[in-house]
Amino acid sequence: MKKLIVTTAVCALLSGAAFAQEGPWMVRARAVGIDMANKDATGLGLTVNNKTIPEIDITYFFNKNIAAELILTVPQKQTVNSSVLATDIGTFKHLPPTLTLQYHFDSYSGMKPYLGAGINYTQITQVNLLDGGANVDSHSWGTAIQAGVDFPIDKNLSFNIDFKKVNIKTNVYVGPDDKGVLKLNPTLIGVGLGYRF
């Protein structure tokens, strides 16, 4: 019994030491493609353009499996098109920070997969639609789900592939009239590098 206790304690210490050597922080830089779902209930045939954006992510590991990730970018300018009017009707900017809680699976064949879920807050600013004749809500709250995998390059550096689905929606107003909801609900696919310390 004493042998078992000692062996268990040594294994726990070694496991903790390995985690300490890895470090609890990871910073990633990704290039992310945004594919908008554009589910429009306004009757205006609205769509928002797809684009590729830069992304910086800061992850903190509470232990070897559980982590929290804050996903950041800079304000992004988007173009809005109306199929009813057969033209672009203007632009807006949005800033969509997202926070997820992740489960990182143990390394498998050199890969470290993870799953995450959390919340997105999107701030919409600099709205210029129909020369000021239309507007949208300035805030959106929604859920986010995430799946990804890290491919270690060395002790600290890794190559990352990441998938997210984020719920973003806003009401659209033309003059005083609420025309309904535009759900952007983008799918985001990113690739980049991570550094753990």
Protein backbone atom coordinates (compact mmCIF):
# COMPACT_ATOMS: atom_id res chain seq x y z
CA MET A 1 0.00 0.00 0.00
CA LYS A 2 2.84 2.39 0.87
CA LYS A 3 4.45 1.61 -2.48
CA LEU A 4 1.22 2.45 -4.28
CA ILE A 5 0.87 5.77 -2.40
CA VAL A 6 4.49 6.74 -3.15
CA THR A 7 4.13 5.76 -6.83
CA THR A 8 0.91 7.77 -7.16
CA ALA A 9 2.51 10.81 -5.50
CA VAL A 10 5.56 10.64 -7.78
CA CYS A 11 3.36 10.36 -10.89
CA ALA A 12 1.30 13.36 -9.76
CA LEU A 13 4.43 15.40 -9.14
CA LEU A 14 5.90 14.48 -12.51
CA SER A 15 2.64 15.34 -14.24
CA GLY A 16 2.51 18.71 -12.48
CA ALA A 17 6.15 19.37 -13.35
CA ALA A 18 5.49 18.58 -17.02
CA PHE A 19 2.56 21.02 -17.05
CA ALA A 20 4.65 23.67 -15.30
CA GLN A 21 7.39 23.27 -17.93
CA GLU A 22 4.84 23.78 -20.72
CA GLY A 23 3.55 26.95 -19.07
CA PRO A 24 -0.09 27.99 -18.63
CA TRP A 25 -0.23 30.67 -21.36
CA MET A 26 -0.59 30.35 -25.13
CA VAL A 27 -0.81 33.13 -27.68
CA ARG A 28 -1.92 32.42 -31.24
CA ALA A 29 -1.96 34.51 -34.41
CA ARG A 30 -4.43 33.30 -37.04
CA ALA A 31 -5.70 34.24 -40.48
CA VAL A 32 -9.46 33.64 -40.36
CA GLY A 33 -11.94 33.33 -43.19
CA ILE A 34 -15.45 34.60 -42.32
CA ASP A 35 -18.34 32.94 -44.15
CA MET A 36 -21.62 34.73 -43.32
CA ALA A 37 -24.85 32.70 -43.09
CA ASN A 38 -26.92 35.82 -44.01
CA LYS A 39 -30.33 34.61 -42.81
CA ASP A 40 -32.44 37.67 -43.65
CA ALA A 41 -36.00 38.18 -42.38
CA THR A 42 -36.30 41.84 -43.43
CA GLY A 43 -37.68 41.29 -46.93
CA LEU A 44 -34.85 43.43 -48.32
CA GLY A 45 -32.67 40.53 -49.47
CA LEU A 46 -29.73 41.64 -47.34
CA THR A 47 -26.32 39.97 -47.40
CA VAL A 48 -23.05 40.92 -45.72
CA ASN A 49 -19.78 40.16 -47.49
CA ASN A 50 -17.35 37.38 -46.57
CA LYS A 51 -13.74 38.30 -45.86
CA THR A 52 -10.45 37.18 -44.32
CA ILE A 53 -9.36 38.88 -41.10
CA PRO A 54 -6.40 38.75 -38.68
CA GLU A 55 -7.03 37.27 -35.25
CA ILE A 56 -5.08 37.17 -31.98
CA ASP A 57 -6.03 34.64 -29.32
CA ILE A 58 -4.89 34.46 -25.70
CA THR A 59 -5.36 31.13 -23.91
CA TYR A 60 -4.86 30.29 -20.24
CA PHE A 61 -4.58 26.63 -19.18
CA PHE A 62 -6.03 25.89 -15.73
CA ASN A 63 -4.57 22.39 -16.06
CA LYS A 64 -3.42 20.21 -18.97
CA ASN A 65 -6.99 19.74 -20.27
CA ILE A 66 -9.07 22.80 -19.27
CA ALA A 67 -8.39 26.25 -20.74
CA ALA A 68 -10.11 29.56 -21.47
CA GLU A 69 -9.48 31.44 -24.72
CA LEU A 70 -10.11 35.11 -25.47
CA ILE A 71 -10.43 35.70 -29.22
CA LEU A 72 -9.65 39.21 -30.46
CA THR A 73 -9.34 41.17 -33.68
CA VAL A 74 -9.54 44.80 -34.82
CA PRO A 75 -12.80 46.47 -35.98
CA GLN A 76 -13.80 45.00 -39.35
CA LYS A 77 -15.54 46.91 -42.13
CA GLN A 78 -18.34 45.00 -43.87
CA THR A 79 -20.39 45.80 -46.98
CA VAL A 80 -24.16 45.24 -47.06
CA ASN A 81 -25.94 44.35 -50.30
CA SER A 82 -29.68 44.33 -51.04
CA SER A 83 -30.88 41.96 -53.76
CA VAL A 84 -34.23 43.80 -53.78
CA LEU A 85 -32.51 47.09 -54.63
CA ALA A 86 -29.85 45.25 -56.69
CA THR A 87 -27.02 47.29 -55.17
CA ASP A 88 -24.75 47.73 -52.18
CA ILE A 89 -26.58 49.88 -49.64
CA GLY A 90 -23.63 50.80 -47.40
CA THR A 91 -21.21 49.61 -44.76
CA PHE A 92 -20.72 49.13 -41.04
CA LYS A 93 -17.88 48.13 -38.72
CA HIS A 94 -18.03 45.40 -36.11
CA LEU A 95 -15.77 44.27 -33.27
CA PRO A 96 -16.60 40.68 -32.18
CA PRO A 97 -14.54 39.51 -29.15
CA THR A 98 -15.35 35.94 -28.09
CA LEU A 99 -14.57 34.01 -24.91
CA THR A 100 -14.63 30.20 -24.89
CA LEU A 101 -14.01 27.50 -22.31
CA GLN A 102 -12.08 24.64 -23.87
CA TYR A 103 -11.32 20.97 -23.26
CA HIS A 104 -7.95 19.91 -24.68
CA PHE A 105 -7.62 16.19 -25.30
CA ASP A 106 -4.38 14.36 -24.58
CA SER A 107 -1.89 14.27 -27.44
CA TYR A 108 -2.79 11.72 -30.12
CA SER A 109 -0.39 10.83 -32.96
CA GLY A 110 1.35 14.17 -32.52
CA MET A 111 -1.93 16.12 -32.57
CA LYS A 112 -3.63 17.96 -29.69
CA PRO A 113 -7.35 18.39 -30.50
CA TYR A 114 -9.74 20.56 -28.46
CA LEU A 115 -13.40 21.55 -28.22
CA GLY A 116 -14.78 24.82 -26.87
CA ALA A 117 -17.99 26.70 -26.20
CA GLY A 118 -18.64 30.20 -24.99
CA ILE A 119 -20.10 33.62 -25.67
CA ASN A 120 -19.64 36.32 -28.28
CA TYR A 121 -20.23 40.06 -27.88
CA THR A 122 -20.30 42.08 -31.09
CA GLN A 123 -20.26 45.88 -31.14
CA ILE A 124 -21.49 47.46 -34.38
CA THR A 125 -20.32 51.00 -35.17
CA GLN A 126 -19.91 53.48 -38.05
CA VAL A 127 -23.16 52.38 -39.68
CA ASN A 128 -23.71 54.03 -43.06
CA LEU A 129 -26.69 52.39 -44.79
CA LEU A 130 -28.91 54.01 -47.44
CA ASP A 131 -27.07 57.30 -46.85
CA GLY A 132 -28.25 57.37 -43.25
CA GLY A 133 -31.78 56.21 -44.02
CA ALA A 134 -31.25 52.78 -42.42
CA ASN A 135 -29.66 51.58 -39.20
CA VAL A 136 -28.95 48.44 -37.15
CA ASP A 137 -28.59 47.58 -33.46
CA SER A 138 -25.25 48.56 -31.97
CA HIS A 139 -24.80 45.37 -29.89
CA SER A 140 -25.24 41.63 -30.30
CA TRP A 141 -24.80 38.80 -27.78
CA GLY A 142 -24.67 35.19 -28.90
CA THR A 143 -23.21 31.75 -28.33
CA ALA A 144 -20.06 30.36 -29.91
CA ILE A 145 -18.83 26.80 -30.44
CA GLN A 146 -15.30 25.83 -31.40
CA ALA A 147 -13.21 22.85 -32.51
CA GLY A 148 -9.55 22.81 -33.38
CA VAL A 149 -6.26 21.00 -33.32
CA ASP A 150 -2.66 21.97 -32.55
CA PHE A 151 0.28 20.30 -34.29
CA PRO A 152 3.39 20.78 -32.11
CA ILE A 153 6.45 22.05 -33.99
CA ASP A 154 8.74 22.18 -30.96
CA LYS A 155 8.37 22.54 -27.18
CA ASN A 156 6.68 25.95 -27.43
CA LEU A 157 5.59 26.46 -31.02
CA SER A 158 2.61 24.81 -32.75
CA PHE A 159 0.63 25.01 -35.97
CA ASN A 160 -3.11 25.50 -35.39
CA ILE A 161 -6.29 24.84 -37.35
CA ASP A 162 -9.46 26.23 -35.76
CA PHE A 163 -13.20 26.15 -36.57
CA LYS A 164 -15.83 28.37 -34.92
CA LYS A 165 -19.56 28.96 -35.36
CA VAL A 166 -20.72 32.25 -33.84
CA ASN A 167 -24.27 33.57 -33.47
CA ILE A 168 -24.48 37.27 -34.41
CA LYS A 169 -27.75 39.00 -35.24
CA THR A 170 -29.17 42.51 -35.47
CA ASN A 171 -32.48 44.22 -36.15
CA VAL A 172 -32.57 46.39 -39.27
CA TYR A 173 -34.39 49.73 -39.25
CA VAL A 174 -35.42 51.81 -42.26
CA GLY A 175 -36.42 55.20 -40.90
CA PRO A 176 -38.52 54.51 -37.78
CA ASP A 177 -39.64 51.06 -39.01
CA ASP A 178 -38.18 47.80 -37.66
CA LYS A 179 -37.88 45.65 -40.78
CA GLY A 180 -36.85 42.49 -38.95
CA VAL A 181 -33.77 40.47 -38.04
CA LEU A 182 -30.62 39.84 -40.05
CA LYS A 183 -28.71 36.83 -38.69
CA LEU A 184 -25.07 36.87 -39.76
CA ASN A 185 -24.16 33.69 -37.81
CA PRO A 186 -20.69 33.38 -39.41
CA THR A 187 -18.60 30.25 -39.74
CA LEU A 188 -14.93 31.04 -39.10
CA ILE A 189 -12.09 28.84 -40.28
CA GLY A 190 -8.61 29.87 -39.14
CA VAL A 191 -5.03 28.74 -39.52
CA GLY A 192 -2.05 30.09 -37.63
CA LEU A 193 0.76 29.63 -35.17
CA GLY A 194 0.64 29.31 -31.38
CA TYR A 195 3.35 29.93 -28.79
CA ARG A 196 3.04 28.46 -25.30
CA PHE A 197 4.99 29.84 -22.34
